[in-house]
């Protein structure tokens, strides 16, 4: 194994260990426990990440990265905005119906506990938390609505509203509050594609 491969493997081990420890301990997670679970030392955490906060950022970024939108992008810019929104809704619905979704939601709650107890970490995580919105906005920009391509600003407004709506619906499915079908996710998501949500061009 090369030095670069060893470094990548150690980073992966620490991120996976951090996820497991934070999933159990939340804000009480200790570097020593993470390092021990990964089979490394706390020195490795400082060497590879710079400290606990940067490891936590890497962990959350690794876990809550944007949806894989490449298959949608592969269809090309000609796909109508409403159909792109429908495909994103289908993916959120599938994620929330996944048998592992409850564990994911619990992990997210532990991360929230961690973040709310550390203002510095909260600031560092803001960009990661918006990553899906950014990816969605890029995907929406330039697609036609009402006879004209939507602007970057309009795409951001739609992306923000869509992510909030679908995240809430997804959580209700995971918690068993509602059993929402793929069709319902799509219908509700497409209802956001209006001039009031998009705002002025």
C-alpha atoms as a PDB file:
ATOM      1  CA  UNK A   1       0.000   0.000   0.000  1.00  0.00           C
ATOM      2  CA  UNK A   2       1.383   3.405  -0.963  1.00  0.00           C
ATOM      3  CA  UNK A   3       1.605   6.293   1.482  1.00  0.00           C
ATOM      4  CA  UNK A   4      -1.322   8.023  -0.230  1.00  0.00           C
ATOM      5  CA  UNK A   5      -3.417   4.853  -0.044  1.00  0.00           C
ATOM      6  CA  UNK A   6      -2.565   4.409   3.627  1.00  0.00           C
ATOM      7  CA  UNK A   7      -3.526   8.013   4.359  1.00  0.00           C
ATOM      8  CA  UNK A   8      -6.847   7.599   2.533  1.00  0.00           C
ATOM      9  CA  UNK A   9      -7.561   4.340   4.377  1.00  0.00           C
ATOM     10  CA  UNK A  10      -6.838   5.961   7.749  1.00  0.00           C
ATOM     11  CA  UNK A  11      -9.099   8.912   6.920  1.00  0.00           C
ATOM     12  CA  UNK A  12     -11.867   6.508   5.951  1.00  0.00           C
ATOM     13  CA  UNK A  13     -11.416   4.515   9.166  1.00  0.00           C
ATOM     14  CA  UNK A  14     -11.585   7.667  11.296  1.00  0.00           C
ATOM     15  CA  UNK A  15     -14.675   9.017   9.534  1.00  0.00           C
ATOM     16  CA  UNK A  16     -16.458   5.675   9.924  1.00  0.00           C
ATOM     17  CA  UNK A  17     -15.425   5.460  13.589  1.00  0.00           C
ATOM     18  CA  UNK A  18     -16.556   9.046  14.203  1.00  0.00           C
ATOM     19  CA  UNK A  19     -19.939   8.274  12.700  1.00  0.00           C
ATOM     20  CA  UNK A  20     -20.382   5.278  14.998  1.00  0.00           C
ATOM     21  CA  UNK A  21     -19.228   7.075  18.158  1.00  0.00           C
ATOM     22  CA  UNK A  22     -21.198  10.250  17.442  1.00  0.00           C
ATOM     23  CA  UNK A  23     -24.232   8.094  16.613  1.00  0.00           C
ATOM     24  CA  UNK A  24     -24.089   6.746  20.174  1.00  0.00           C
ATOM     25  CA  UNK A  25     -22.682   9.658  22.150  1.00  0.00           C
ATOM     26  CA  UNK A  26     -23.647  12.842  20.292  1.00  0.00           C
ATOM     27  CA  UNK A  27     -21.879  15.861  21.774  1.00  0.00           C
ATOM     28  CA  UNK A  28     -20.181  13.616  24.353  1.00  0.00           C
ATOM     29  CA  UNK A  29     -18.120  11.858  21.648  1.00  0.00           C
ATOM     30  CA  UNK A  30     -14.433  11.690  22.608  1.00  0.00           C
ATOM     31  CA  UNK A  31     -11.437  11.696  20.292  1.00  0.00           C
ATOM     32  CA  UNK A  32      -9.882   8.843  22.225  1.00  0.00           C
ATOM     33  CA  UNK A  33     -12.900   6.605  21.593  1.00  0.00           C
ATOM     34  CA  UNK A  34     -12.942   7.473  17.884  1.00  0.00           C
ATOM     35  CA  UNK A  35      -9.219   6.804  17.497  1.00  0.00           C
ATOM     36  CA  UNK A  36      -9.433   3.522  19.420  1.00  0.00           C
ATOM     37  CA  UNK A  37     -12.337   2.274  17.319  1.00  0.00           C
ATOM     38  CA  UNK A  38     -10.406   3.142  14.159  1.00  0.00           C
ATOM     39  CA  UNK A  39      -7.324   1.362  15.462  1.00  0.00           C
ATOM     40  CA  UNK A  40      -5.325   4.594  15.374  1.00  0.00           C
ATOM     41  CA  UNK A  41      -4.072   7.253  17.784  1.00  0.00           C
ATOM     42  CA  UNK A  42      -5.466  10.698  18.550  1.00  0.00           C
ATOM     43  CA  UNK A  43      -2.293  11.996  16.915  1.00  0.00           C
ATOM     44  CA  UNK A  44      -3.528  10.532  13.633  1.00  0.00           C
ATOM     45  CA  UNK A  45      -6.696  12.636  13.941  1.00  0.00           C
ATOM     46  CA  UNK A  46      -4.662  15.827  14.334  1.00  0.00           C
ATOM     47  CA  UNK A  47      -2.309  14.814  11.540  1.00  0.00           C
ATOM     48  CA  UNK A  48      -5.046  13.919   9.049  1.00  0.00           C
ATOM     49  CA  UNK A  49      -7.791  16.375   9.998  1.00  0.00           C
ATOM     50  CA  UNK A  50      -6.251  19.060  12.192  1.00  0.00           C
ATOM     51  CA  UNK A  51      -8.532  18.324  15.144  1.00  0.00           C
ATOM     52  CA  UNK A  52     -11.966  17.187  16.286  1.00  0.00           C
ATOM     53  CA  UNK A  53     -13.968  19.915  14.561  1.00  0.00           C
ATOM     54  CA  UNK A  54     -12.482  19.238  11.147  1.00  0.00           C
ATOM     55  CA  UNK A  55     -13.034  15.509  11.613  1.00  0.00           C
ATOM     56  CA  UNK A  56     -16.663  16.228  12.495  1.00  0.00           C
ATOM     57  CA  UNK A  57     -17.029  18.388   9.382  1.00  0.00           C
ATOM     58  CA  UNK A  58     -15.545  15.597   7.252  1.00  0.00           C
ATOM     59  CA  UNK A  59     -17.858  13.065   8.885  1.00  0.00           C
ATOM     60  CA  UNK A  60     -21.013  15.074   8.266  1.00  0.00           C
ATOM     61  CA  UNK A  61     -19.950  16.054   4.755  1.00  0.00           C
ATOM     62  CA  UNK A  62     -19.301  12.401   3.967  1.00  0.00           C
ATOM     63  CA  UNK A  63     -22.684  11.379   5.350  1.00  0.00           C
ATOM     64  CA  UNK A  64     -24.961  14.164   4.149  1.00  0.00           C
ATOM     65  CA  UNK A  65     -23.388  14.991   0.822  1.00  0.00           C
ATOM     66  CA  UNK A  66     -25.665  15.950  -2.037  1.00  0.00           C
ATOM     67  CA  UNK A  67     -27.874  13.420  -3.779  1.00  0.00           C
ATOM     68  CA  UNK A  68     -26.215  11.702  -6.702  1.00  0.00           C
ATOM     69  CA  UNK A  69     -27.681  13.831  -9.465  1.00  0.00           C
ATOM     70  CA  UNK A  70     -25.444  12.556 -12.265  1.00  0.00           C
ATOM     71  CA  UNK A  71     -28.118  10.341 -13.876  1.00  0.00           C
ATOM     72  CA  UNK A  72     -30.423  13.377 -14.098  1.00  0.00           C
ATOM     73  CA  UNK A  73     -27.649  15.535 -15.523  1.00  0.00           C
ATOM     74  CA  UNK A  74     -26.913  12.857 -18.111  1.00  0.00           C
ATOM     75  CA  UNK A  75     -30.368  13.407 -19.607  1.00  0.00           C
ATOM     76  CA  UNK A  76     -29.211  16.871 -20.666  1.00  0.00           C
ATOM     77  CA  UNK A  77     -30.427  20.435 -20.300  1.00  0.00           C
ATOM     78  CA  UNK A  78     -33.542  19.802 -22.398  1.00  0.00           C
ATOM     79  CA  UNK A  79     -35.337  17.918 -19.612  1.00  0.00           C
ATOM     80  CA  UNK A  80     -38.211  20.142 -18.396  1.00  0.00           C
ATOM     81  CA  UNK A  81     -37.920  21.722 -14.953  1.00  0.00           C
ATOM     82  CA  UNK A  82     -41.020  19.925 -13.685  1.00  0.00           C
ATOM     83  CA  UNK A  83     -39.575  16.524 -14.618  1.00  0.00           C
ATOM     84  CA  UNK A  84     -36.252  17.281 -12.930  1.00  0.00           C
ATOM     85  CA  UNK A  85     -38.138  18.271  -9.767  1.00  0.00           C
ATOM     86  CA  UNK A  86     -40.164  15.042 -10.031  1.00  0.00           C
ATOM     87  CA  UNK A  87     -36.997  12.930 -10.257  1.00  0.00           C
ATOM     88  CA  UNK A  88     -35.490  14.639  -7.203  1.00  0.00           C
ATOM     89  CA  UNK A  89     -38.751  13.967  -5.304  1.00  0.00           C
ATOM     90  CA  UNK A  90     -38.630  10.288  -6.279  1.00  0.00           C
ATOM     91  CA  UNK A  91     -35.104  10.005  -4.893  1.00  0.00           C
ATOM     92  CA  UNK A  92     -36.052  11.604  -1.578  1.00  0.00           C
ATOM     93  CA  UNK A  93     -39.024   9.254  -1.302  1.00  0.00           C
ATOM     94  CA  UNK A  94     -36.806   6.211  -1.920  1.00  0.00           C
ATOM     95  CA  UNK A  95     -34.307   7.433   0.675  1.00  0.00           C
ATOM     96  CA  UNK A  96     -37.012   7.868   3.309  1.00  0.00           C
ATOM     97  CA  UNK A  97     -38.506   4.422   2.566  1.00  0.00           C
ATOM     98  CA  UNK A  98     -35.116   2.718   2.911  1.00  0.00           C
ATOM     99  CA  UNK A  99     -34.987   0.279   5.875  1.00  0.00           C
ATOM    100  CA  UNK A 100     -31.858   2.069   7.145  1.00  0.00           C
ATOM    101  CA  UNK A 101     -33.549   5.489   7.132  1.00  0.00           C
ATOM    102  CA  UNK A 102     -34.429   5.358  10.857  1.00  0.00           C
ATOM    103  CA  UNK A 103     -30.781   4.848  11.772  1.00  0.00           C
ATOM    104  CA  UNK A 104     -29.830   7.745   9.515  1.00  0.00           C
ATOM    105  CA  UNK A 105     -32.377  10.012  11.185  1.00  0.00           C
ATOM    106  CA  UNK A 106     -31.065   9.072  14.633  1.00  0.00           C
ATOM    107  CA  UNK A 107     -27.526   9.823  13.495  1.00  0.00           C
ATOM    108  CA  UNK A 108     -28.643  13.230  12.192  1.00  0.00           C
ATOM    109  CA  UNK A 109     -30.249  13.986  15.566  1.00  0.00           C
ATOM    110  CA  UNK A 110     -26.964  13.128  17.336  1.00  0.00           C
ATOM    111  CA  UNK A 111     -25.071  15.380  14.925  1.00  0.00           C
ATOM    112  CA  UNK A 112     -27.529  18.181  15.645  1.00  0.00           C
ATOM    113  CA  UNK A 113     -26.836  17.714  19.360  1.00  0.00           C
ATOM    114  CA  UNK A 114     -23.122  17.931  18.618  1.00  0.00           C
ATOM    115  CA  UNK A 115     -23.467  21.047  16.459  1.00  0.00           C
ATOM    116  CA  UNK A 116     -25.755  22.962  18.808  1.00  0.00           C
ATOM    117  CA  UNK A 117     -23.208  22.563  21.581  1.00  0.00           C
ATOM    118  CA  UNK A 118     -20.349  23.948  19.501  1.00  0.00           C
ATOM    119  CA  UNK A 119     -20.868  27.336  17.797  1.00  0.00           C
ATOM    120  CA  UNK A 120     -17.570  27.059  15.933  1.00  0.00           C
ATOM    121  CA  UNK A 121     -18.548  23.706  14.477  1.00  0.00           C
ATOM    122  CA  UNK A 122     -21.986  25.050  13.597  1.00  0.00           C
ATOM    123  CA  UNK A 123     -20.371  27.778  11.522  1.00  0.00           C
ATOM    124  CA  UNK A 124     -18.122  25.310   9.744  1.00  0.00           C
ATOM    125  CA  UNK A 125     -21.025  23.002   8.937  1.00  0.00           C
ATOM    126  CA  UNK A 126     -23.271  25.634   7.383  1.00  0.00           C
ATOM    127  CA  UNK A 127     -21.686  25.229   3.960  1.00  0.00           C
ATOM    128  CA  UNK A 128     -21.997  21.441   4.088  1.00  0.00           C
ATOM    129  CA  UNK A 129     -25.636  21.647   5.144  1.00  0.00           C
ATOM    130  CA  UNK A 130     -26.392  23.723   2.038  1.00  0.00           C
ATOM    131  CA  UNK A 131     -24.561  21.430  -0.373  1.00  0.00           C
ATOM    132  CA  UNK A 132     -27.722  19.745  -1.660  1.00  0.00           C
ATOM    133  CA  UNK A 133     -29.336  23.126  -2.300  1.00  0.00           C
ATOM    134  CA  UNK A 134     -26.302  24.209  -4.304  1.00  0.00           C
ATOM    135  CA  UNK A 135     -26.349  21.025  -6.399  1.00  0.00           C
ATOM    136  CA  UNK A 136     -30.076  21.352  -7.012  1.00  0.00           C
ATOM    137  CA  UNK A 137     -29.790  25.016  -7.977  1.00  0.00           C
ATOM    138  CA  UNK A 138     -27.081  24.184 -10.524  1.00  0.00           C
ATOM    139  CA  UNK A 139     -29.330  21.464 -11.922  1.00  0.00           C
ATOM    140  CA  UNK A 140     -32.346  23.799 -12.196  1.00  0.00           C
ATOM    141  CA  UNK A 141     -30.638  26.897 -13.591  1.00  0.00           C
ATOM    142  CA  UNK A 142     -31.449  27.578 -17.235  1.00  0.00           C
ATOM    143  CA  UNK A 143     -34.329  25.115 -17.466  1.00  0.00           C
ATOM    144  CA  UNK A 144     -37.446  26.538 -19.027  1.00  0.00           C
ATOM    145  CA  UNK A 145     -40.430  27.692 -17.019  1.00  0.00           C
ATOM    146  CA  UNK A 146     -43.210  29.860 -18.425  1.00  0.00           C
ATOM    147  CA  UNK A 147     -41.440  30.206 -21.746  1.00  0.00           C
ATOM    148  CA  UNK A 148     -38.149  31.462 -20.340  1.00  0.00           C
ATOM    149  CA  UNK A 149     -35.090  29.892 -18.676  1.00  0.00           C
ATOM    150  CA  UNK A 150     -35.034  30.286 -14.908  1.00  0.00           C
ATOM    151  CA  UNK A 151     -32.213  32.338 -13.440  1.00  0.00           C
ATOM    152  CA  UNK A 152     -29.658  31.249 -10.885  1.00  0.00           C
ATOM    153  CA  UNK A 153     -31.487  33.215  -8.189  1.00  0.00           C
ATOM    154  CA  UNK A 154     -34.790  31.573  -9.061  1.00  0.00           C
ATOM    155  CA  UNK A 155     -33.112  28.163  -9.022  1.00  0.00           C
ATOM    156  CA  UNK A 156     -31.740  28.815  -5.524  1.00  0.00           C
ATOM    157  CA  UNK A 157     -35.196  29.794  -4.246  1.00  0.00           C
ATOM    158  CA  UNK A 158     -36.728  26.627  -5.697  1.00  0.00           C
ATOM    159  CA  UNK A 159     -33.897  24.422  -4.438  1.00  0.00           C
ATOM    160  CA  UNK A 160     -34.197  25.788  -0.886  1.00  0.00           C
ATOM    161  CA  UNK A 161     -37.979  25.313  -0.785  1.00  0.00           C
ATOM    162  CA  UNK A 162     -37.799  21.861  -2.369  1.00  0.00           C
ATOM    163  CA  UNK A 163     -35.131  20.560  -0.007  1.00  0.00           C
ATOM    164  CA  UNK A 164     -37.032  21.811   3.059  1.00  0.00           C
ATOM    165  CA  UNK A 165     -40.299  20.322   1.845  1.00  0.00           C
ATOM    166  CA  UNK A 166     -38.877  16.937   0.876  1.00  0.00           C
ATOM    167  CA  UNK A 167     -36.780  16.659   4.035  1.00  0.00           C
ATOM    168  CA  UNK A 168     -39.898  17.230   6.138  1.00  0.00           C
ATOM    169  CA  UNK A 169     -41.915  14.703   4.157  1.00  0.00           C
ATOM    170  CA  UNK A 170     -39.086  12.199   4.381  1.00  0.00           C
ATOM    171  CA  UNK A 171     -38.850  12.542   8.151  1.00  0.00           C
ATOM    172  CA  UNK A 172     -42.581  11.988   8.535  1.00  0.00           C
ATOM    173  CA  UNK A 173     -42.255   8.746   6.561  1.00  0.00           C
ATOM    174  CA  UNK A 174     -39.311   7.560   8.662  1.00  0.00           C
ATOM    175  CA  UNK A 175     -41.169   8.341  11.883  1.00  0.00           C
ATOM    176  CA  UNK A 176     -44.297   6.559  10.669  1.00  0.00           C
ATOM    177  CA  UNK A 177     -46.454   9.679  10.795  1.00  0.00           C
ATOM    178  CA  UNK A 178     -47.410   9.282   7.138  1.00  0.00           C
ATOM    179  CA  UNK A 179     -46.980   6.615   4.510  1.00  0.00           C
ATOM    180  CA  UNK A 180     -46.353   8.871   1.542  1.00  0.00           C
ATOM    181  CA  UNK A 181     -46.173   7.335  -1.891  1.00  0.00           C
ATOM    182  CA  UNK A 182     -43.752   8.309  -4.629  1.00  0.00           C
ATOM    183  CA  UNK A 183     -46.664   9.889  -6.481  1.00  0.00           C
ATOM    184  CA  UNK A 184     -47.488  12.090  -3.481  1.00  0.00           C
ATOM    185  CA  UNK A 185     -43.852  13.234  -3.164  1.00  0.00           C
ATOM    186  CA  UNK A 186     -43.818  14.115  -6.861  1.00  0.00           C
ATOM    187  CA  UNK A 187     -47.155  15.959  -6.780  1.00  0.00           C
ATOM    188  CA  UNK A 188     -46.204  18.030  -3.745  1.00  0.00           C
ATOM    189  CA  UNK A 189     -42.733  18.786  -5.103  1.00  0.00           C
ATOM    190  CA  UNK A 190     -44.075  19.900  -8.473  1.00  0.00           C
ATOM    191  CA  UNK A 191     -46.577  22.191  -6.733  1.00  0.00           C
ATOM    192  CA  UNK A 192     -43.577  24.383  -5.810  1.00  0.00           C
ATOM    193  CA  UNK A 193     -42.825  25.121  -9.457  1.00  0.00           C
ATOM    194  CA  UNK A 194     -44.753  28.402  -9.497  1.00  0.00           C
ATOM    195  CA  UNK A 195     -43.897  32.017 -10.169  1.00  0.00           C
ATOM    196  CA  UNK A 196     -44.525  32.849  -6.498  1.00  0.00           C
ATOM    197  CA  UNK A 197     -41.857  30.405  -5.339  1.00  0.00           C
ATOM    198  CA  UNK A 198     -39.421  31.196  -8.139  1.00  0.00           C
ATOM    199  CA  UNK A 199     -39.758  34.956  -7.738  1.00  0.00           C
ATOM    200  CA  UNK A 200     -38.957  37.568 -10.389  1.00  0.00           C
ATOM    201  CA  UNK A 201     -36.725  36.646 -13.303  1.00  0.00           C
END
